[in-house]
């Protein structure tokens, strides 16, 4: 005979609590004192309690129906001007669409982390009944916005330096560069450069440079590898022109704002004289060849994760860094020829 499955009633009798209180404690409900939650979980561990997966699925379904009925509010917080980028517009679109599917109303707030008062902002969120927050990019990778995060279920787009213990949705930037190299190598390109902005490389934890350097180290045909050009915002056009003259790449993998102007000033035609591959085609011209980052998917995933955290009443940081990676895919455009230009 199979042993009887332990139930919430068994925990409740030992803890001298109601079954409802035990259920809420196991789900970290904010109405249950922290001390009681720890005591209930300890008893559950001691007696070997394991939730019934079928019952848990039913409860989750009922909870989802209640969410749909109440149209709970969630927030997406970003820096001022975040939606000026095409990739950000896509992220917001994907998040809003998934929020509607799950019965939430997503509200977008733009802040300046240096001037917006977290206490006043938190009061506003509380007044609107917002418990779940998606935090998009702040102005700088190291910026802080110190809400009392213990009161919120947080998810981030990317992994800001000061919030690495929030569940994050990020691009697999390392794999994206590998994909660029694969596509270029298949077309016969072997003299390939990388030009990126420092503010963006910081956000990506330098995965672009690391991936690029790794492929260069494994490419036997490269006897004189081209060093990556990291632009810091000062004299970027002149720095790019000088780099193009010195190293003469056949193609450039890039995330910067000045490449086309620098190439034009050097008399280089794209793609006849030099190929251009964008690491985010959504932020470039519509004809650009390169990586489609699927930002709508990232926005939708952020809402999915937030929905799970809200159902579990999980607030504040995780104990360990946890994240979800999204790989980009290749999109053909008009900035790369089917074969490389002749080496000069």
C-alpha atoms as a PDB file:
ATOM      1  CA  UNK A   1       0.000   0.000   0.000  1.00  0.00           C
ATOM      2  CA  UNK A   2       1.218   3.506  -0.809  1.00  0.00           C
ATOM      3  CA  UNK A   3       1.839   5.698   2.246  1.00  0.00           C
ATOM      4  CA  UNK A   4      -0.740   8.412   2.894  1.00  0.00           C
ATOM      5  CA  UNK A   5       0.211  11.746   1.344  1.00  0.00           C
ATOM      6  CA  UNK A   6       0.890  14.348   4.006  1.00  0.00           C
ATOM      7  CA  UNK A   7      -1.385  17.380   3.726  1.00  0.00           C
ATOM      8  CA  UNK A   8      -1.618  20.962   4.911  1.00  0.00           C
ATOM      9  CA  UNK A   9      -3.850  19.668   7.712  1.00  0.00           C
ATOM     10  CA  UNK A  10      -0.898  17.708   9.131  1.00  0.00           C
ATOM     11  CA  UNK A  11       1.252  20.835   9.218  1.00  0.00           C
ATOM     12  CA  UNK A  12      -1.612  22.901  10.640  1.00  0.00           C
ATOM     13  CA  UNK A  13      -2.161  20.521  13.571  1.00  0.00           C
ATOM     14  CA  UNK A  14       1.533  20.653  14.509  1.00  0.00           C
ATOM     15  CA  UNK A  15       1.793  24.406  14.061  1.00  0.00           C
ATOM     16  CA  UNK A  16      -1.522  25.073  15.830  1.00  0.00           C
ATOM     17  CA  UNK A  17      -2.672  27.169  12.882  1.00  0.00           C
ATOM     18  CA  UNK A  18      -5.540  27.062  10.421  1.00  0.00           C
ATOM     19  CA  UNK A  19      -5.065  25.272   7.108  1.00  0.00           C
ATOM     20  CA  UNK A  20      -5.533  28.603   5.308  1.00  0.00           C
ATOM     21  CA  UNK A  21      -2.769  30.211   7.389  1.00  0.00           C
ATOM     22  CA  UNK A  22      -0.401  27.321   6.627  1.00  0.00           C
ATOM     23  CA  UNK A  23      -1.148  27.572   2.902  1.00  0.00           C
ATOM     24  CA  UNK A  24      -0.451  31.299   2.937  1.00  0.00           C
ATOM     25  CA  UNK A  25       2.760  30.827   4.929  1.00  0.00           C
ATOM     26  CA  UNK A  26       4.091  28.299   2.424  1.00  0.00           C
ATOM     27  CA  UNK A  27       3.417  30.853  -0.322  1.00  0.00           C
ATOM     28  CA  UNK A  28       5.229  33.654   1.568  1.00  0.00           C
ATOM     29  CA  UNK A  29       2.054  35.703   1.835  1.00  0.00           C
ATOM     30  CA  UNK A  30       2.753  39.222   3.092  1.00  0.00           C
ATOM     31  CA  UNK A  31      -0.015  39.002   5.711  1.00  0.00           C
ATOM     32  CA  UNK A  32       1.781  36.198   7.562  1.00  0.00           C
ATOM     33  CA  UNK A  33       4.618  37.220   9.956  1.00  0.00           C
ATOM     34  CA  UNK A  34       8.126  36.248   8.851  1.00  0.00           C
ATOM     35  CA  UNK A  35       8.645  34.251  12.044  1.00  0.00           C
ATOM     36  CA  UNK A  36       5.508  32.209  11.394  1.00  0.00           C
ATOM     37  CA  UNK A  37       6.534  31.543   7.788  1.00  0.00           C
ATOM     38  CA  UNK A  38       9.897  30.172   8.933  1.00  0.00           C
ATOM     39  CA  UNK A  39       8.231  27.985  11.597  1.00  0.00           C
ATOM     40  CA  UNK A  40       5.682  26.546   9.155  1.00  0.00           C
ATOM     41  CA  UNK A  41       8.348  25.775   6.553  1.00  0.00           C
ATOM     42  CA  UNK A  42      10.518  24.103   9.182  1.00  0.00           C
ATOM     43  CA  UNK A  43       7.640  21.828  10.225  1.00  0.00           C
ATOM     44  CA  UNK A  44       6.909  21.026   6.567  1.00  0.00           C
ATOM     45  CA  UNK A  45      10.549  19.990   6.067  1.00  0.00           C
ATOM     46  CA  UNK A  46      10.622  17.920   9.249  1.00  0.00           C
ATOM     47  CA  UNK A  47       7.571  15.838   8.359  1.00  0.00           C
ATOM     48  CA  UNK A  48       8.544  15.547   4.690  1.00  0.00           C
ATOM     49  CA  UNK A  49       5.571  17.447   3.265  1.00  0.00           C
ATOM     50  CA  UNK A  50       5.499  17.608  -0.563  1.00  0.00           C
ATOM     51  CA  UNK A  51       2.778  19.607  -2.375  1.00  0.00           C
ATOM     52  CA  UNK A  52       0.325  17.707  -4.549  1.00  0.00           C
ATOM     53  CA  UNK A  53       1.207  18.838  -8.113  1.00  0.00           C
ATOM     54  CA  UNK A  54      -2.375  18.394  -9.351  1.00  0.00           C
ATOM     55  CA  UNK A  55      -3.731  20.494  -6.500  1.00  0.00           C
ATOM     56  CA  UNK A  56      -1.027  23.119  -7.033  1.00  0.00           C
ATOM     57  CA  UNK A  57      -1.999  23.375 -10.712  1.00  0.00           C
ATOM     58  CA  UNK A  58      -5.654  23.854  -9.737  1.00  0.00           C
ATOM     59  CA  UNK A  59      -4.759  26.579  -7.242  1.00  0.00           C
ATOM     60  CA  UNK A  60      -2.584  28.322  -9.844  1.00  0.00           C
ATOM     61  CA  UNK A  61      -5.471  28.180 -12.328  1.00  0.00           C
ATOM     62  CA  UNK A  62      -7.890  29.680  -9.808  1.00  0.00           C
ATOM     63  CA  UNK A  63      -5.353  32.359  -8.918  1.00  0.00           C
ATOM     64  CA  UNK A  64      -4.952  33.252 -12.592  1.00  0.00           C
ATOM     65  CA  UNK A  65      -8.721  33.590 -12.915  1.00  0.00           C
ATOM     66  CA  UNK A  66      -8.766  35.936  -9.943  1.00  0.00           C
ATOM     67  CA  UNK A  67      -5.962  37.994 -11.529  1.00  0.00           C
ATOM     68  CA  UNK A  68      -7.935  38.261 -14.774  1.00  0.00           C
ATOM     69  CA  UNK A  69     -10.999  39.335 -12.843  1.00  0.00           C
ATOM     70  CA  UNK A  70      -9.254  41.994 -10.748  1.00  0.00           C
ATOM     71  CA  UNK A  71      -7.034  43.401 -13.556  1.00  0.00           C
ATOM     72  CA  UNK A  72      -4.138  43.932 -11.141  1.00  0.00           C
ATOM     73  CA  UNK A  73      -1.643  46.631 -12.018  1.00  0.00           C
ATOM     74  CA  UNK A  74       2.029  45.997 -12.685  1.00  0.00           C
ATOM     75  CA  UNK A  75       4.708  48.540 -13.575  1.00  0.00           C
ATOM     76  CA  UNK A  76       7.571  48.818 -16.030  1.00  0.00           C
ATOM     77  CA  UNK A  77      10.128  51.383 -14.876  1.00  0.00           C
ATOM     78  CA  UNK A  78      12.755  52.804 -17.238  1.00  0.00           C
ATOM     79  CA  UNK A  79      15.022  55.793 -17.609  1.00  0.00           C
ATOM     80  CA  UNK A  80      13.725  58.922 -19.328  1.00  0.00           C
ATOM     81  CA  UNK A  81      14.083  58.499 -23.101  1.00  0.00           C
ATOM     82  CA  UNK A  82      14.291  54.694 -22.982  1.00  0.00           C
ATOM     83  CA  UNK A  83      11.643  54.295 -25.694  1.00  0.00           C
ATOM     84  CA  UNK A  84      13.676  56.341 -28.179  1.00  0.00           C
ATOM     85  CA  UNK A  85      15.345  53.056 -29.197  1.00  0.00           C
ATOM     86  CA  UNK A  86      13.501  50.637 -31.439  1.00  0.00           C
ATOM     87  CA  UNK A  87      14.478  47.672 -29.264  1.00  0.00           C
ATOM     88  CA  UNK A  88      12.895  49.338 -26.230  1.00  0.00           C
ATOM     89  CA  UNK A  89       9.657  49.992 -28.105  1.00  0.00           C
ATOM     90  CA  UNK A  90       9.561  46.285 -28.993  1.00  0.00           C
ATOM     91  CA  UNK A  91      10.220  45.282 -25.374  1.00  0.00           C
ATOM     92  CA  UNK A  92       7.380  47.461 -24.105  1.00  0.00           C
ATOM     93  CA  UNK A  93       5.042  46.177 -26.817  1.00  0.00           C
ATOM     94  CA  UNK A  94       5.770  42.554 -25.920  1.00  0.00           C
ATOM     95  CA  UNK A  95       5.333  43.209 -22.201  1.00  0.00           C
ATOM     96  CA  UNK A  96       2.004  45.008 -22.654  1.00  0.00           C
ATOM     97  CA  UNK A  97       0.622  42.300 -24.928  1.00  0.00           C
ATOM     98  CA  UNK A  98       1.493  39.500 -22.487  1.00  0.00           C
ATOM     99  CA  UNK A  99       0.202  41.528 -19.530  1.00  0.00           C
ATOM    100  CA  UNK A 100      -3.197  41.819 -21.216  1.00  0.00           C
ATOM    101  CA  UNK A 101      -3.222  38.068 -21.926  1.00  0.00           C
ATOM    102  CA  UNK A 102      -2.638  37.370 -18.218  1.00  0.00           C
ATOM    103  CA  UNK A 103      -5.188  39.906 -17.008  1.00  0.00           C
ATOM    104  CA  UNK A 104      -2.807  42.636 -15.867  1.00  0.00           C
ATOM    105  CA  UNK A 105      -2.703  46.319 -16.682  1.00  0.00           C
ATOM    106  CA  UNK A 106       0.923  47.340 -17.306  1.00  0.00           C
ATOM    107  CA  UNK A 107       1.830  50.951 -16.596  1.00  0.00           C
ATOM    108  CA  UNK A 108       5.086  52.433 -17.908  1.00  0.00           C
ATOM    109  CA  UNK A 109       6.928  55.005 -15.795  1.00  0.00           C
ATOM    110  CA  UNK A 110      10.023  56.933 -16.900  1.00  0.00           C
ATOM    111  CA  UNK A 111      12.306  58.117 -14.097  1.00  0.00           C
ATOM    112  CA  UNK A 112      15.586  59.912 -13.593  1.00  0.00           C
ATOM    113  CA  UNK A 113      17.328  57.805 -10.950  1.00  0.00           C
ATOM    114  CA  UNK A 114      19.356  60.845  -9.873  1.00  0.00           C
ATOM    115  CA  UNK A 115      16.347  63.099  -9.172  1.00  0.00           C
ATOM    116  CA  UNK A 116      13.228  60.935  -8.721  1.00  0.00           C
ATOM    117  CA  UNK A 117      12.449  60.474  -5.017  1.00  0.00           C
ATOM    118  CA  UNK A 118      12.069  56.720  -4.320  1.00  0.00           C
ATOM    119  CA  UNK A 119       9.836  57.311  -1.258  1.00  0.00           C
ATOM    120  CA  UNK A 120       7.336  59.477  -3.124  1.00  0.00           C
ATOM    121  CA  UNK A 121       7.454  57.125  -6.094  1.00  0.00           C
ATOM    122  CA  UNK A 122       6.768  54.147  -3.818  1.00  0.00           C
ATOM    123  CA  UNK A 123       3.732  55.896  -2.318  1.00  0.00           C
ATOM    124  CA  UNK A 124       2.387  56.418  -5.819  1.00  0.00           C
ATOM    125  CA  UNK A 125       2.902  52.735  -6.673  1.00  0.00           C
ATOM    126  CA  UNK A 126       1.181  51.691  -3.457  1.00  0.00           C
ATOM    127  CA  UNK A 127      -1.778  53.968  -4.180  1.00  0.00           C
ATOM    128  CA  UNK A 128      -2.187  52.247  -7.537  1.00  0.00           C
ATOM    129  CA  UNK A 129      -1.997  48.786  -6.008  1.00  0.00           C
ATOM    130  CA  UNK A 130       1.243  47.871  -7.805  1.00  0.00           C
ATOM    131  CA  UNK A 131       3.215  44.982  -6.278  1.00  0.00           C
ATOM    132  CA  UNK A 132       5.064  43.728  -9.371  1.00  0.00           C
ATOM    133  CA  UNK A 133       7.785  45.719 -11.144  1.00  0.00           C
ATOM    134  CA  UNK A 134       9.779  45.179 -14.336  1.00  0.00           C
ATOM    135  CA  UNK A 135      12.854  47.411 -14.275  1.00  0.00           C
ATOM    136  CA  UNK A 136      14.334  48.273 -17.657  1.00  0.00           C
ATOM    137  CA  UNK A 137      17.629  50.052 -18.288  1.00  0.00           C
ATOM    138  CA  UNK A 138      18.490  53.016 -16.107  1.00  0.00           C
ATOM    139  CA  UNK A 139      20.773  55.724 -17.498  1.00  0.00           C
ATOM    140  CA  UNK A 140      24.005  54.006 -16.445  1.00  0.00           C
ATOM    141  CA  UNK A 141      24.764  50.383 -15.678  1.00  0.00           C
ATOM    142  CA  UNK A 142      25.783  51.233 -12.076  1.00  0.00           C
ATOM    143  CA  UNK A 143      22.781  53.484 -11.298  1.00  0.00           C
ATOM    144  CA  UNK A 144      20.492  52.719  -8.357  1.00  0.00           C
ATOM    145  CA  UNK A 145      16.834  53.367  -7.679  1.00  0.00           C
ATOM    146  CA  UNK A 146      16.361  52.359  -4.077  1.00  0.00           C
ATOM    147  CA  UNK A 147      12.737  51.465  -3.631  1.00  0.00           C
ATOM    148  CA  UNK A 148      11.971  49.257  -0.646  1.00  0.00           C
ATOM    149  CA  UNK A 149      12.280  46.201  -2.865  1.00  0.00           C
ATOM    150  CA  UNK A 150      11.127  43.859  -0.076  1.00  0.00           C
ATOM    151  CA  UNK A 151       7.607  45.106  -0.824  1.00  0.00           C
ATOM    152  CA  UNK A 152       7.741  44.255  -4.542  1.00  0.00           C
ATOM    153  CA  UNK A 153       8.195  41.316  -6.886  1.00  0.00           C
ATOM    154  CA  UNK A 154      10.983  42.524  -9.237  1.00  0.00           C
ATOM    155  CA  UNK A 155      12.230  41.428 -12.660  1.00  0.00           C
ATOM    156  CA  UNK A 156      14.859  43.281 -14.680  1.00  0.00           C
ATOM    157  CA  UNK A 157      15.502  43.610 -18.412  1.00  0.00           C
ATOM    158  CA  UNK A 158      19.241  43.005 -18.464  1.00  0.00           C
ATOM    159  CA  UNK A 159      21.195  42.627 -15.230  1.00  0.00           C
ATOM    160  CA  UNK A 160      21.976  46.048 -13.701  1.00  0.00           C
ATOM    161  CA  UNK A 161      25.143  46.027 -11.630  1.00  0.00           C
ATOM    162  CA  UNK A 162      23.366  46.748  -8.350  1.00  0.00           C
ATOM    163  CA  UNK A 163      20.426  44.391  -8.883  1.00  0.00           C
ATOM    164  CA  UNK A 164      21.997  41.110  -9.953  1.00  0.00           C
ATOM    165  CA  UNK A 165      19.900  39.126  -7.441  1.00  0.00           C
ATOM    166  CA  UNK A 166      16.646  40.072  -9.190  1.00  0.00           C
ATOM    167  CA  UNK A 167      15.480  37.617 -11.848  1.00  0.00           C
ATOM    168  CA  UNK A 168      16.740  39.080 -15.123  1.00  0.00           C
ATOM    169  CA  UNK A 169      15.841  38.623 -18.782  1.00  0.00           C
ATOM    170  CA  UNK A 170      18.931  39.175 -20.946  1.00  0.00           C
ATOM    171  CA  UNK A 171      20.234  38.768 -24.458  1.00  0.00           C
ATOM    172  CA  UNK A 172      22.780  36.001 -25.007  1.00  0.00           C
ATOM    173  CA  UNK A 173      25.283  38.524 -26.346  1.00  0.00           C
ATOM    174  CA  UNK A 174      28.157  36.039 -26.415  1.00  0.00           C
ATOM    175  CA  UNK A 175      26.199  33.698 -28.700  1.00  0.00           C
ATOM    176  CA  UNK A 176      25.102  36.631 -30.879  1.00  0.00           C
ATOM    177  CA  UNK A 177      28.717  37.482 -31.757  1.00  0.00           C
ATOM    178  CA  UNK A 178      29.451  33.818 -32.495  1.00  0.00           C
ATOM    179  CA  UNK A 179      26.482  33.818 -34.871  1.00  0.00           C
ATOM    180  CA  UNK A 180      27.846  36.912 -36.651  1.00  0.00           C
ATOM    181  CA  UNK A 181      31.210  35.217 -37.129  1.00  0.00           C
ATOM    182  CA  UNK A 182      29.567  32.040 -38.460  1.00  0.00           C
ATOM    183  CA  UNK A 183      27.600  34.000 -41.034  1.00  0.00           C
ATOM    184  CA  UNK A 184      30.621  36.054 -42.079  1.00  0.00           C
ATOM    185  CA  UNK A 185      32.921  33.038 -42.300  1.00  0.00           C
ATOM    186  CA  UNK A 186      30.394  31.238 -44.496  1.00  0.00           C
ATOM    187  CA  UNK A 187      30.647  34.165 -46.929  1.00  0.00           C
ATOM    188  CA  UNK A 188      34.454  34.101 -46.938  1.00  0.00           C
ATOM    189  CA  UNK A 189      35.121  37.044 -44.607  1.00  0.00           C
ATOM    190  CA  UNK A 190      38.085  36.563 -42.283  1.00  0.00           C
ATOM    191  CA  UNK A 191      39.288  40.079 -41.461  1.00  0.00           C
ATOM    192  CA  UNK A 192      36.547  41.170 -39.091  1.00  0.00           C
ATOM    193  CA  UNK A 193      36.516  44.014 -36.578  1.00  0.00           C
ATOM    194  CA  UNK A 194      34.350  44.896 -33.591  1.00  0.00           C
ATOM    195  CA  UNK A 195      33.283  48.487 -32.825  1.00  0.00           C
ATOM    196  CA  UNK A 196      31.060  49.052 -29.783  1.00  0.00           C
ATOM    197  CA  UNK A 197      30.218  51.773 -27.288  1.00  0.00           C
ATOM    198  CA  UNK A 198      31.630  51.469 -23.772  1.00  0.00           C
ATOM    199  CA  UNK A 199      28.314  52.312 -22.116  1.00  0.00           C
ATOM    200  CA  UNK A 200      26.808  49.283 -23.862  1.00  0.00           C
ATOM    201  CA  UNK A 201      29.744  46.928 -23.255  1.00  0.00           C
ATOM    202  CA  UNK A 202      29.417  47.636 -19.536  1.00  0.00           C
ATOM    203  CA  UNK A 203      25.733  46.632 -19.661  1.00  0.00           C
ATOM    204  CA  UNK A 204      26.601  43.369 -21.430  1.00  0.00           C
ATOM    205  CA  UNK A 205      29.437  42.517 -19.015  1.00  0.00           C
ATOM    206  CA  UNK A 206      31.849  42.634 -21.987  1.00  0.00           C
ATOM    207  CA  UNK A 207      30.429  39.503 -23.597  1.00  0.00           C
ATOM    208  CA  UNK A 208      30.818  41.020 -27.089  1.00  0.00           C
ATOM    209  CA  UNK A 209      34.562  41.574 -26.704  1.00  0.00           C
ATOM    210  CA  UNK A 210      35.078  38.195 -25.025  1.00  0.00           C
ATOM    211  CA  UNK A 211      33.254  36.278 -27.757  1.00  0.00           C
ATOM    212  CA  UNK A 212      35.017  38.218 -30.521  1.00  0.00           C
ATOM    213  CA  UNK A 213      38.453  37.615 -28.981  1.00  0.00           C
ATOM    214  CA  UNK A 214      37.686  33.917 -28.526  1.00  0.00           C
ATOM    215  CA  UNK A 215      36.825  33.414 -32.209  1.00  0.00           C
ATOM    216  CA  UNK A 216      39.893  35.371 -33.279  1.00  0.00           C
ATOM    217  CA  UNK A 217      42.063  33.106 -31.115  1.00  0.00           C
ATOM    218  CA  UNK A 218      40.604  30.032 -32.835  1.00  0.00           C
ATOM    219  CA  UNK A 219      40.866  31.343 -36.393  1.00  0.00           C
ATOM    220  CA  UNK A 220      44.121  30.059 -37.831  1.00  0.00           C
ATOM    221  CA  UNK A 221      43.959  32.302 -40.914  1.00  0.00           C
ATOM    222  CA  UNK A 222      44.254  35.440 -38.769  1.00  0.00           C
ATOM    223  CA  UNK A 223      47.931  36.217 -38.296  1.00  0.00           C
ATOM    224  CA  UNK A 224      47.318  39.839 -37.361  1.00  0.00           C
ATOM    225  CA  UNK A 225      43.994  40.081 -35.441  1.00  0.00           C
ATOM    226  CA  UNK A 226      42.170  43.417 -35.374  1.00  0.00           C
ATOM    227  CA  UNK A 227      41.821  44.831 -31.842  1.00  0.00           C
ATOM    228  CA  UNK A 228      38.300  45.711 -30.731  1.00  0.00           C
ATOM    229  CA  UNK A 229      37.478  49.417 -30.784  1.00  0.00           C
ATOM    230  CA  UNK A 230      35.641  50.548 -27.636  1.00  0.00           C
ATOM    231  CA  UNK A 231      34.206  54.047 -28.016  1.00  0.00           C
ATOM    232  CA  UNK A 232      33.855  56.203 -24.908  1.00  0.00           C
ATOM    233  CA  UNK A 233      31.777  59.030 -26.388  1.00  0.00           C
ATOM    234  CA  UNK A 234      34.617  61.447 -27.049  1.00  0.00           C
ATOM    235  CA  UNK A 235      35.847  61.954 -30.621  1.00  0.00           C
ATOM    236  CA  UNK A 236      34.126  58.701 -31.673  1.00  0.00           C
ATOM    237  CA  UNK A 237      34.047  59.519 -35.387  1.00  0.00           C
ATOM    238  CA  UNK A 238      37.729  60.375 -35.544  1.00  0.00           C
ATOM    239  CA  UNK A 239      38.642  57.323 -33.467  1.00  0.00           C
ATOM    240  CA  UNK A 240      36.659  55.095 -35.842  1.00  0.00           C
ATOM    241  CA  UNK A 241      38.207  56.682 -38.932  1.00  0.00           C
ATOM    242  CA  UNK A 242      41.717  56.172 -37.553  1.00  0.00           C
ATOM    243  CA  UNK A 243      40.911  52.549 -36.666  1.00  0.00           C
ATOM    244  CA  UNK A 244      39.500  51.874 -40.159  1.00  0.00           C
ATOM    245  CA  UNK A 245      42.614  53.331 -41.819  1.00  0.00           C
ATOM    246  CA  UNK A 246      45.033  51.367 -39.660  1.00  0.00           C
ATOM    247  CA  UNK A 247      43.403  47.933 -39.665  1.00  0.00           C
ATOM    248  CA  UNK A 248      41.305  47.886 -42.890  1.00  0.00           C
ATOM    249  CA  UNK A 249      38.676  45.294 -41.881  1.00  0.00           C
ATOM    250  CA  UNK A 250      36.547  43.565 -44.527  1.00  0.00           C
ATOM    251  CA  UNK A 251      33.529  43.766 -42.234  1.00  0.00           C
ATOM    252  CA  UNK A 252      32.617  45.305 -38.907  1.00  0.00           C
ATOM    253  CA  UNK A 253      30.355  43.913 -36.182  1.00  0.00           C
ATOM    254  CA  UNK A 254      29.033  46.944 -34.379  1.00  0.00           C
ATOM    255  CA  UNK A 255      26.827  48.676 -31.806  1.00  0.00           C
ATOM    256  CA  UNK A 256      27.645  52.353 -32.140  1.00  0.00           C
ATOM    257  CA  UNK A 257      26.147  55.516 -33.584  1.00  0.00           C
ATOM    258  CA  UNK A 258      28.959  56.758 -35.792  1.00  0.00           C
ATOM    259  CA  UNK A 259      30.151  53.941 -38.050  1.00  0.00           C
ATOM    260  CA  UNK A 260      28.400  54.985 -41.266  1.00  0.00           C
ATOM    261  CA  UNK A 261      29.526  58.593 -40.960  1.00  0.00           C
ATOM    262  CA  UNK A 262      33.117  57.531 -40.266  1.00  0.00           C
ATOM    263  CA  UNK A 263      33.118  55.071 -43.190  1.00  0.00           C
ATOM    264  CA  UNK A 264      31.694  57.718 -45.532  1.00  0.00           C
ATOM    265  CA  UNK A 265      34.367  60.218 -44.514  1.00  0.00           C
ATOM    266  CA  UNK A 266      36.980  57.561 -45.283  1.00  0.00           C
ATOM    267  CA  UNK A 267      35.467  57.025 -48.740  1.00  0.00           C
ATOM    268  CA  UNK A 268      34.289  53.506 -47.903  1.00  0.00           C
ATOM    269  CA  UNK A 269      31.057  52.239 -49.453  1.00  0.00           C
ATOM    270  CA  UNK A 270      28.803  49.847 -47.553  1.00  0.00           C
ATOM    271  CA  UNK A 271      28.652  47.003 -48.493  1.00  0.00           C
ATOM    272  CA  UNK A 272      30.918  47.225 -51.580  1.00  0.00           C
ATOM    273  CA  UNK A 273      34.088  48.221 -49.690  1.00  0.00           C
ATOM    274  CA  UNK A 274      33.221  47.122 -46.171  1.00  0.00           C
ATOM    275  CA  UNK A 275      30.437  45.056 -44.630  1.00  0.00           C
ATOM    276  CA  UNK A 276      28.394  46.211 -41.651  1.00  0.00           C
ATOM    277  CA  UNK A 277      26.712  43.858 -39.174  1.00  0.00           C
ATOM    278  CA  UNK A 278      24.542  45.275 -36.402  1.00  0.00           C
ATOM    279  CA  UNK A 279      24.271  43.575 -33.013  1.00  0.00           C
ATOM    280  CA  UNK A 280      20.730  44.992 -32.759  1.00  0.00           C
ATOM    281  CA  UNK A 281      18.997  45.565 -36.087  1.00  0.00           C
ATOM    282  CA  UNK A 282      15.973  47.064 -34.307  1.00  0.00           C
ATOM    283  CA  UNK A 283      18.137  50.024 -33.292  1.00  0.00           C
ATOM    284  CA  UNK A 284      19.593  50.527 -36.783  1.00  0.00           C
ATOM    285  CA  UNK A 285      18.279  51.346 -40.248  1.00  0.00           C
ATOM    286  CA  UNK A 286      15.651  48.933 -41.588  1.00  0.00           C
ATOM    287  CA  UNK A 287      18.051  47.723 -44.323  1.00  0.00           C
ATOM    288  CA  UNK A 288      20.737  46.650 -41.846  1.00  0.00           C
ATOM    289  CA  UNK A 289      22.116  43.113 -41.740  1.00  0.00           C
ATOM    290  CA  UNK A 290      22.707  41.549 -38.353  1.00  0.00           C
ATOM    291  CA  UNK A 291      21.164  40.290 -35.133  1.00  0.00           C
ATOM    292  CA  UNK A 292      17.464  40.464 -34.372  1.00  0.00           C
ATOM    293  CA  UNK A 293      17.303  40.380 -30.575  1.00  0.00           C
ATOM    294  CA  UNK A 294      13.590  39.474 -30.305  1.00  0.00           C
ATOM    295  CA  UNK A 295      12.905  42.157 -27.751  1.00  0.00           C
ATOM    296  CA  UNK A 296       9.143  41.544 -27.870  1.00  0.00           C
ATOM    297  CA  UNK A 297       9.846  38.022 -26.620  1.00  0.00           C
ATOM    298  CA  UNK A 298      12.010  39.452 -23.830  1.00  0.00           C
ATOM    299  CA  UNK A 299       9.204  41.788 -22.748  1.00  0.00           C
ATOM    300  CA  UNK A 300       6.693  38.937 -22.729  1.00  0.00           C
ATOM    301  CA  UNK A 301       9.060  36.697 -20.759  1.00  0.00           C
ATOM    302  CA  UNK A 302       9.544  39.431 -18.162  1.00  0.00           C
ATOM    303  CA  UNK A 303       5.791  39.501 -17.562  1.00  0.00           C
ATOM    304  CA  UNK A 304       5.642  35.684 -17.438  1.00  0.00           C
ATOM    305  CA  UNK A 305       8.348  35.584 -14.761  1.00  0.00           C
ATOM    306  CA  UNK A 306       6.739  38.437 -12.834  1.00  0.00           C
ATOM    307  CA  UNK A 307       3.406  36.625 -12.938  1.00  0.00           C
ATOM    308  CA  UNK A 308       5.059  33.549 -11.398  1.00  0.00           C
ATOM    309  CA  UNK A 309       6.710  35.620  -8.659  1.00  0.00           C
ATOM    310  CA  UNK A 310       3.399  37.305  -7.797  1.00  0.00           C
ATOM    311  CA  UNK A 311       1.625  33.943  -7.553  1.00  0.00           C
ATOM    312  CA  UNK A 312       4.355  32.733  -5.183  1.00  0.00           C
ATOM    313  CA  UNK A 313       4.302  36.009  -3.222  1.00  0.00           C
ATOM    314  CA  UNK A 314       8.061  36.189  -3.779  1.00  0.00           C
ATOM    315  CA  UNK A 315       9.312  39.680  -3.014  1.00  0.00           C
ATOM    316  CA  UNK A 316      12.766  41.238  -3.044  1.00  0.00           C
ATOM    317  CA  UNK A 317      15.998  39.530  -4.018  1.00  0.00           C
ATOM    318  CA  UNK A 318      16.664  35.890  -4.843  1.00  0.00           C
ATOM    319  CA  UNK A 319      19.284  34.103  -2.770  1.00  0.00           C
ATOM    320  CA  UNK A 320      21.387  33.472  -5.882  1.00  0.00           C
ATOM    321  CA  UNK A 321      21.504  35.212  -9.294  1.00  0.00           C
ATOM    322  CA  UNK A 322      18.855  33.722 -11.593  1.00  0.00           C
ATOM    323  CA  UNK A 323      18.211  34.733 -15.176  1.00  0.00           C
ATOM    324  CA  UNK A 324      16.708  33.818 -18.525  1.00  0.00           C
ATOM    325  CA  UNK A 325      18.752  34.171 -21.733  1.00  0.00           C
ATOM    326  CA  UNK A 326      17.235  34.947 -25.129  1.00  0.00           C
ATOM    327  CA  UNK A 327      19.337  34.228 -28.234  1.00  0.00           C
ATOM    328  CA  UNK A 328      19.202  36.515 -31.214  1.00  0.00           C
ATOM    329  CA  UNK A 329      18.723  35.304 -34.782  1.00  0.00           C
ATOM    330  CA  UNK A 330      20.292  36.405 -38.062  1.00  0.00           C
ATOM    331  CA  UNK A 331      18.458  38.865 -40.323  1.00  0.00           C
ATOM    332  CA  UNK A 332      19.671  39.488 -43.849  1.00  0.00           C
ATOM    333  CA  UNK A 333      19.751  43.074 -45.026  1.00  0.00           C
ATOM    334  CA  UNK A 334      21.627  45.224 -47.516  1.00  0.00           C
ATOM    335  CA  UNK A 335      24.784  46.106 -45.564  1.00  0.00           C
ATOM    336  CA  UNK A 336      26.713  42.890 -46.263  1.00  0.00           C
ATOM    337  CA  UNK A 337      27.762  41.416 -49.607  1.00  0.00           C
ATOM    338  CA  UNK A 338      27.659  37.714 -50.372  1.00  0.00           C
ATOM    339  CA  UNK A 339      31.459  37.745 -50.643  1.00  0.00           C
ATOM    340  CA  UNK A 340      34.182  39.944 -49.083  1.00  0.00           C
ATOM    341  CA  UNK A 341      35.839  42.869 -50.856  1.00  0.00           C
ATOM    342  CA  UNK A 342      39.391  42.384 -52.059  1.00  0.00           C
ATOM    343  CA  UNK A 343      41.987  42.929 -49.354  1.00  0.00           C
ATOM    344  CA  UNK A 344      43.902  46.164 -49.721  1.00  0.00           C
END
